[in-house]
Amino acid sequence: MKAILVGPDEDGLGDALEAEGVELTRIENVANRPALEEAGITDADTLVLTETEGATVVPVAKDLNEDVRVVVYTDADLPDFARGQTDLIVDPALLSAEAVAEELTA
């Protein structure tokens, strides 16, 4: 499984995914189209957002890879325009990073 994590990883989801054997690429700065392409979005299975400020990346990622699964892992609200293209929204207070990583790789 190949995943791209966009945003800070304060809750450790990236580390949990790597522990599950996921090939992870991190984008910590602006996640625009060139950054997604460089990170390998066309071959990615999952795009993980850890902040909603970068929600504009969701439609861009879906445009580049319509099959990519979009997961949002934050307690912040996701804007409506991105909500419809998101497969899973998880609040870190409800599920640990380890539990989410296990579920995503199952």
N, C-alpha and C. Protein backbone atom coordinates (compact mmCIF):
# COMPACT_ATOMS: atom_id res chain seq x y z
N MET A 1 0.84 -1.18 0.00
CA MET A 1 0.00 0.00 0.00
C MET A 1 0.89 1.24 0.00
N LYS A 2 0.50 2.22 -0.78
CA LYS A 2 1.23 3.48 -0.86
C LYS A 2 0.31 4.61 -0.41
N ALA A 3 0.80 5.43 0.50
CA ALA A 3 0.00 6.54 1.03
C ALA A 3 0.80 7.83 1.03
N ILE A 4 0.07 8.93 0.95
CA ILE A 4 0.65 10.26 1.04
C ILE A 4 -0.02 10.94 2.22
N LEU A 5 0.77 11.49 3.13
CA LEU A 5 0.25 12.20 4.28
C LEU A 5 0.53 13.68 4.09
N VAL A 6 -0.53 14.48 4.16
CA VAL A 6 -0.43 15.92 3.98
C VAL A 6 -0.72 16.61 5.30
N GLY A 7 0.25 17.41 5.75
CA GLY A 7 0.07 18.17 6.98
C GLY A 7 0.95 17.66 8.10
N PRO A 8 0.84 18.30 9.26
CA PRO A 8 1.63 17.87 10.41
C PRO A 8 1.12 16.52 10.90
N ASP A 9 1.97 15.80 11.59
CA ASP A 9 1.58 14.46 12.06
C ASP A 9 1.67 14.40 13.58
N GLU A 10 0.97 15.30 14.23
CA GLU A 10 1.02 15.41 15.68
C GLU A 10 0.49 14.18 16.40
N ASP A 11 -0.42 13.45 15.75
CA ASP A 11 -1.02 12.28 16.39
C ASP A 11 -0.33 10.98 16.01
N GLY A 12 0.69 11.05 15.15
CA GLY A 12 1.49 9.87 14.83
C GLY A 12 0.89 8.90 13.84
N LEU A 13 -0.06 9.34 13.03
CA LEU A 13 -0.66 8.43 12.06
C LEU A 13 0.35 7.97 11.01
N GLY A 14 1.23 8.84 10.59
CA GLY A 14 2.26 8.45 9.62
C GLY A 14 3.14 7.34 10.15
N ASP A 15 3.57 7.47 11.38
CA ASP A 15 4.41 6.43 11.99
C ASP A 15 3.62 5.12 12.13
N ALA A 16 2.35 5.22 12.49
CA ALA A 16 1.52 4.02 12.62
C ALA A 16 1.32 3.35 11.28
N LEU A 17 1.15 4.12 10.21
CA LEU A 17 1.01 3.55 8.88
C LEU A 17 2.29 2.84 8.46
N GLU A 18 3.42 3.50 8.70
CA GLU A 18 4.71 2.88 8.36
C GLU A 18 4.92 1.59 9.16
N ALA A 19 4.49 1.57 10.41
CA ALA A 19 4.61 0.36 11.23
C ALA A 19 3.78 -0.79 10.67
N GLU A 20 2.73 -0.44 9.91
CA GLU A 20 1.87 -1.45 9.27
C GLU A 20 2.40 -1.84 7.89
N GLY A 21 3.56 -1.29 7.51
CA GLY A 21 4.16 -1.65 6.23
C GLY A 21 3.78 -0.77 5.06
N VAL A 22 3.14 0.35 5.33
CA VAL A 22 2.73 1.27 4.27
C VAL A 22 3.94 2.07 3.78
N GLU A 23 4.06 2.19 2.46
CA GLU A 23 5.07 3.07 1.86
C GLU A 23 4.50 4.48 1.94
N LEU A 24 5.09 5.32 2.78
CA LEU A 24 4.52 6.63 3.08
C LEU A 24 5.39 7.75 2.56
N THR A 25 4.75 8.71 1.90
CA THR A 25 5.39 9.94 1.49
C THR A 25 4.71 11.07 2.24
N ARG A 26 5.49 11.97 2.76
CA ARG A 26 4.93 13.10 3.54
C ARG A 26 5.07 14.41 2.77
N ILE A 27 4.02 15.21 2.81
CA ILE A 27 4.04 16.56 2.28
C ILE A 27 3.73 17.47 3.46
N GLU A 28 4.73 18.17 3.93
CA GLU A 28 4.54 19.00 5.12
C GLU A 28 4.27 20.45 4.77
N ASN A 29 4.65 20.86 3.56
CA ASN A 29 4.41 22.23 3.14
C ASN A 29 3.12 22.29 2.33
N VAL A 30 3.04 23.21 1.41
CA VAL A 30 1.84 23.38 0.59
C VAL A 30 1.63 22.15 -0.29
N ALA A 31 0.45 21.59 -0.22
CA ALA A 31 0.13 20.40 -1.02
C ALA A 31 -0.64 20.84 -2.26
N ASN A 32 0.10 21.32 -3.23
CA ASN A 32 -0.51 21.71 -4.50
C ASN A 32 -0.32 20.59 -5.52
N ARG A 33 -0.77 20.82 -6.73
CA ARG A 33 -0.68 19.78 -7.77
C ARG A 33 0.75 19.29 -8.00
N PRO A 34 1.74 20.20 -8.16
CA PRO A 34 3.11 19.71 -8.35
C PRO A 34 3.62 18.88 -7.17
N ALA A 35 3.27 19.28 -5.96
CA ALA A 35 3.72 18.52 -4.78
C ALA A 35 3.09 17.13 -4.75
N LEU A 36 1.81 17.05 -5.12
CA LEU A 36 1.14 15.75 -5.18
C LEU A 36 1.76 14.87 -6.26
N GLU A 37 2.03 15.45 -7.42
CA GLU A 37 2.63 14.69 -8.50
C GLU A 37 4.01 14.17 -8.10
N GLU A 38 4.80 15.04 -7.46
CA GLU A 38 6.13 14.64 -7.02
C GLU A 38 6.06 13.53 -5.95
N ALA A 39 5.02 13.58 -5.12
CA ALA A 39 4.85 12.57 -4.07
C ALA A 39 4.32 11.25 -4.63
N GLY A 40 3.86 11.25 -5.88
CA GLY A 40 3.40 10.01 -6.50
C GLY A 40 1.91 9.75 -6.36
N ILE A 41 1.11 10.79 -6.41
CA ILE A 41 -0.33 10.64 -6.22
C ILE A 41 -0.97 9.70 -7.24
N THR A 42 -0.43 9.63 -8.45
CA THR A 42 -1.06 8.78 -9.47
C THR A 42 -0.96 7.30 -9.12
N ASP A 43 -0.01 6.93 -8.28
CA ASP A 43 0.15 5.54 -7.86
C ASP A 43 -0.29 5.29 -6.42
N ALA A 44 -0.73 6.33 -5.74
CA ALA A 44 -1.08 6.20 -4.32
C ALA A 44 -2.43 5.51 -4.13
N ASP A 45 -2.52 4.76 -3.06
CA ASP A 45 -3.78 4.13 -2.69
C ASP A 45 -4.60 5.03 -1.78
N THR A 46 -3.89 5.81 -0.94
CA THR A 46 -4.55 6.61 0.08
C THR A 46 -3.89 7.97 0.22
N LEU A 47 -4.71 8.99 0.38
CA LEU A 47 -4.25 10.34 0.71
C LEU A 47 -4.80 10.66 2.09
N VAL A 48 -3.91 11.01 3.02
CA VAL A 48 -4.32 11.33 4.38
C VAL A 48 -4.08 12.81 4.63
N LEU A 49 -5.11 13.50 5.08
CA LEU A 49 -4.99 14.91 5.47
C LEU A 49 -5.07 15.00 6.98
N THR A 50 -4.16 15.74 7.58
CA THR A 50 -4.19 15.91 9.03
C THR A 50 -4.56 17.32 9.44
N GLU A 51 -4.93 18.13 8.47
CA GLU A 51 -5.42 19.47 8.75
C GLU A 51 -6.39 19.87 7.64
N THR A 52 -7.40 20.60 7.97
CA THR A 52 -8.42 20.94 6.97
C THR A 52 -8.09 22.22 6.20
N GLU A 53 -7.07 22.95 6.63
CA GLU A 53 -6.68 24.15 5.90
C GLU A 53 -6.24 23.81 4.48
N GLY A 54 -5.77 22.61 4.28
CA GLY A 54 -5.32 22.18 2.97
C GLY A 54 -6.35 21.36 2.22
N ALA A 55 -7.62 21.55 2.52
CA ALA A 55 -8.68 20.73 1.93
C ALA A 55 -8.79 20.89 0.42
N THR A 56 -8.25 21.94 -0.13
CA THR A 56 -8.31 22.10 -1.59
C THR A 56 -7.52 21.02 -2.31
N VAL A 57 -6.67 20.31 -1.58
CA VAL A 57 -5.90 19.23 -2.17
C VAL A 57 -6.79 18.02 -2.52
N VAL A 58 -7.93 17.90 -1.89
CA VAL A 58 -8.81 16.75 -2.12
C VAL A 58 -9.28 16.68 -3.57
N PRO A 59 -9.91 17.72 -4.12
CA PRO A 59 -10.34 17.61 -5.51
C PRO A 59 -9.17 17.51 -6.50
N VAL A 60 -8.04 18.11 -6.16
CA VAL A 60 -6.87 18.01 -7.02
C VAL A 60 -6.38 16.57 -7.05
N ALA A 61 -6.31 15.94 -5.88
CA ALA A 61 -5.86 14.54 -5.80
C ALA A 61 -6.82 13.63 -6.56
N LYS A 62 -8.11 13.85 -6.41
CA LYS A 62 -9.10 13.03 -7.11
C LYS A 62 -9.03 13.24 -8.62
N ASP A 63 -8.67 14.43 -9.04
CA ASP A 63 -8.50 14.70 -10.47
C ASP A 63 -7.31 13.92 -11.02
N LEU A 64 -6.26 13.81 -10.23
CA LEU A 64 -5.06 13.10 -10.66
C LEU A 64 -5.17 11.58 -10.50
N ASN A 65 -5.98 11.14 -9.55
CA ASN A 65 -6.14 9.71 -9.29
C ASN A 65 -7.54 9.49 -8.72
N GLU A 66 -8.48 9.20 -9.59
CA GLU A 66 -9.88 9.08 -9.15
C GLU A 66 -10.11 7.93 -8.18
N ASP A 67 -9.19 6.99 -8.11
CA ASP A 67 -9.34 5.84 -7.22
C ASP A 67 -8.69 6.02 -5.85
N VAL A 68 -7.98 7.13 -5.65
CA VAL A 68 -7.31 7.33 -4.37
C VAL A 68 -8.36 7.47 -3.26
N ARG A 69 -8.09 6.79 -2.15
CA ARG A 69 -8.97 6.89 -0.98
C ARG A 69 -8.50 8.09 -0.16
N VAL A 70 -9.42 8.98 0.17
CA VAL A 70 -9.08 10.18 0.93
C VAL A 70 -9.55 10.01 2.37
N VAL A 71 -8.59 10.15 3.29
CA VAL A 71 -8.86 10.02 4.72
C VAL A 71 -8.46 11.32 5.39
N VAL A 72 -9.35 11.85 6.21
CA VAL A 72 -9.06 13.06 6.98
C VAL A 72 -8.97 12.65 8.44
N TYR A 73 -7.83 12.96 9.07
CA TYR A 73 -7.59 12.57 10.46
C TYR A 73 -7.29 13.83 11.27
N THR A 74 -8.35 14.48 11.71
CA THR A 74 -8.24 15.71 12.47
C THR A 74 -9.56 15.97 13.18
N ASP A 75 -9.51 16.82 14.20
CA ASP A 75 -10.74 17.18 14.90
C ASP A 75 -11.37 18.44 14.31
N ALA A 76 -10.74 19.04 13.32
CA ALA A 76 -11.26 20.26 12.70
C ALA A 76 -12.33 19.90 11.66
N ASP A 77 -13.21 20.84 11.40
CA ASP A 77 -14.27 20.64 10.40
C ASP A 77 -13.71 20.72 9.00
N LEU A 78 -14.18 19.84 8.15
CA LEU A 78 -13.78 19.81 6.75
C LEU A 78 -14.78 20.64 5.95
N PRO A 79 -14.30 21.53 5.07
CA PRO A 79 -15.23 22.32 4.25
C PRO A 79 -16.12 21.41 3.40
N ASP A 80 -17.32 21.87 3.15
CA ASP A 80 -18.31 21.09 2.40
C ASP A 80 -17.81 20.67 1.02
N PHE A 81 -17.06 21.54 0.33
CA PHE A 81 -16.63 21.21 -1.02
C PHE A 81 -15.74 19.97 -1.05
N ALA A 82 -15.04 19.68 0.03
CA ALA A 82 -14.14 18.52 0.08
C ALA A 82 -14.81 17.30 0.71
N ARG A 83 -15.82 17.53 1.49
CA ARG A 83 -16.48 16.45 2.23
C ARG A 83 -17.04 15.37 1.29
N GLY A 84 -17.60 15.76 0.17
CA GLY A 84 -18.21 14.81 -0.75
C GLY A 84 -17.20 13.91 -1.46
N GLN A 85 -15.94 14.31 -1.49
CA GLN A 85 -14.91 13.51 -2.14
C GLN A 85 -14.02 12.78 -1.14
N THR A 86 -14.39 12.85 0.12
CA THR A 86 -13.62 12.23 1.19
C THR A 86 -14.26 10.90 1.57
N ASP A 87 -13.44 9.87 1.70
CA ASP A 87 -13.95 8.55 2.01
C ASP A 87 -14.13 8.29 3.50
N LEU A 88 -13.28 8.90 4.32
CA LEU A 88 -13.32 8.64 5.75
C LEU A 88 -12.84 9.88 6.50
N ILE A 89 -13.60 10.27 7.51
CA ILE A 89 -13.22 11.39 8.37
C ILE A 89 -13.18 10.86 9.80
N VAL A 90 -12.01 10.98 10.45
CA VAL A 90 -11.83 10.41 11.78
C VAL A 90 -11.27 11.47 12.72
N ASP A 91 -11.87 11.59 13.88
CA ASP A 91 -11.39 12.48 14.93
C ASP A 91 -10.36 11.70 15.76
N PRO A 92 -9.13 12.23 15.90
CA PRO A 92 -8.10 11.54 16.69
C PRO A 92 -8.52 11.27 18.13
N ALA A 93 -9.46 12.05 18.65
CA ALA A 93 -9.93 11.81 20.01
C ALA A 93 -10.79 10.55 20.10
N LEU A 94 -11.31 10.10 18.97
CA LEU A 94 -12.18 8.92 18.97
C LEU A 94 -11.46 7.62 18.63
N LEU A 95 -10.48 7.70 17.72
CA LEU A 95 -9.72 6.51 17.32
C LEU A 95 -8.24 6.83 17.30
N SER A 96 -7.45 5.96 17.87
CA SER A 96 -6.00 6.17 17.89
C SER A 96 -5.42 6.02 16.50
N ALA A 97 -4.23 6.57 16.32
CA ALA A 97 -3.53 6.45 15.05
C ALA A 97 -3.30 4.99 14.71
N GLU A 98 -2.98 4.19 15.68
CA GLU A 98 -2.73 2.76 15.46
C GLU A 98 -3.98 2.05 14.96
N ALA A 99 -5.14 2.37 15.55
CA ALA A 99 -6.39 1.75 15.13
C ALA A 99 -6.75 2.15 13.70
N VAL A 100 -6.53 3.41 13.36
CA VAL A 100 -6.83 3.88 12.01
C VAL A 100 -5.88 3.21 11.02
N ALA A 101 -4.61 3.13 11.35
CA ALA A 101 -3.64 2.48 10.45
C ALA A 101 -3.99 1.02 10.23
N GLU A 102 -4.37 0.33 11.29
CA GLU A 102 -4.78 -1.08 11.15
C GLU A 102 -5.98 -1.21 10.22
N GLU A 103 -6.95 -0.33 10.40
CA GLU A 103 -8.16 -0.38 9.58
C GLU A 103 -7.86 -0.07 8.11
N LEU A 104 -7.00 0.90 7.87
CA LEU A 104 -6.68 1.27 6.50
C LEU A 104 -5.89 0.19 5.77
N THR A 105 -5.15 -0.60 6.50
CA THR A 105 -4.33 -1.63 5.86
C THR A 105 -4.96 -3.00 5.89
N ALA A 106 -6.12 -3.12 6.53
CA ALA A 106 -6.79 -4.44 6.62
C ALA A 106 -7.32 -4.90 5.29
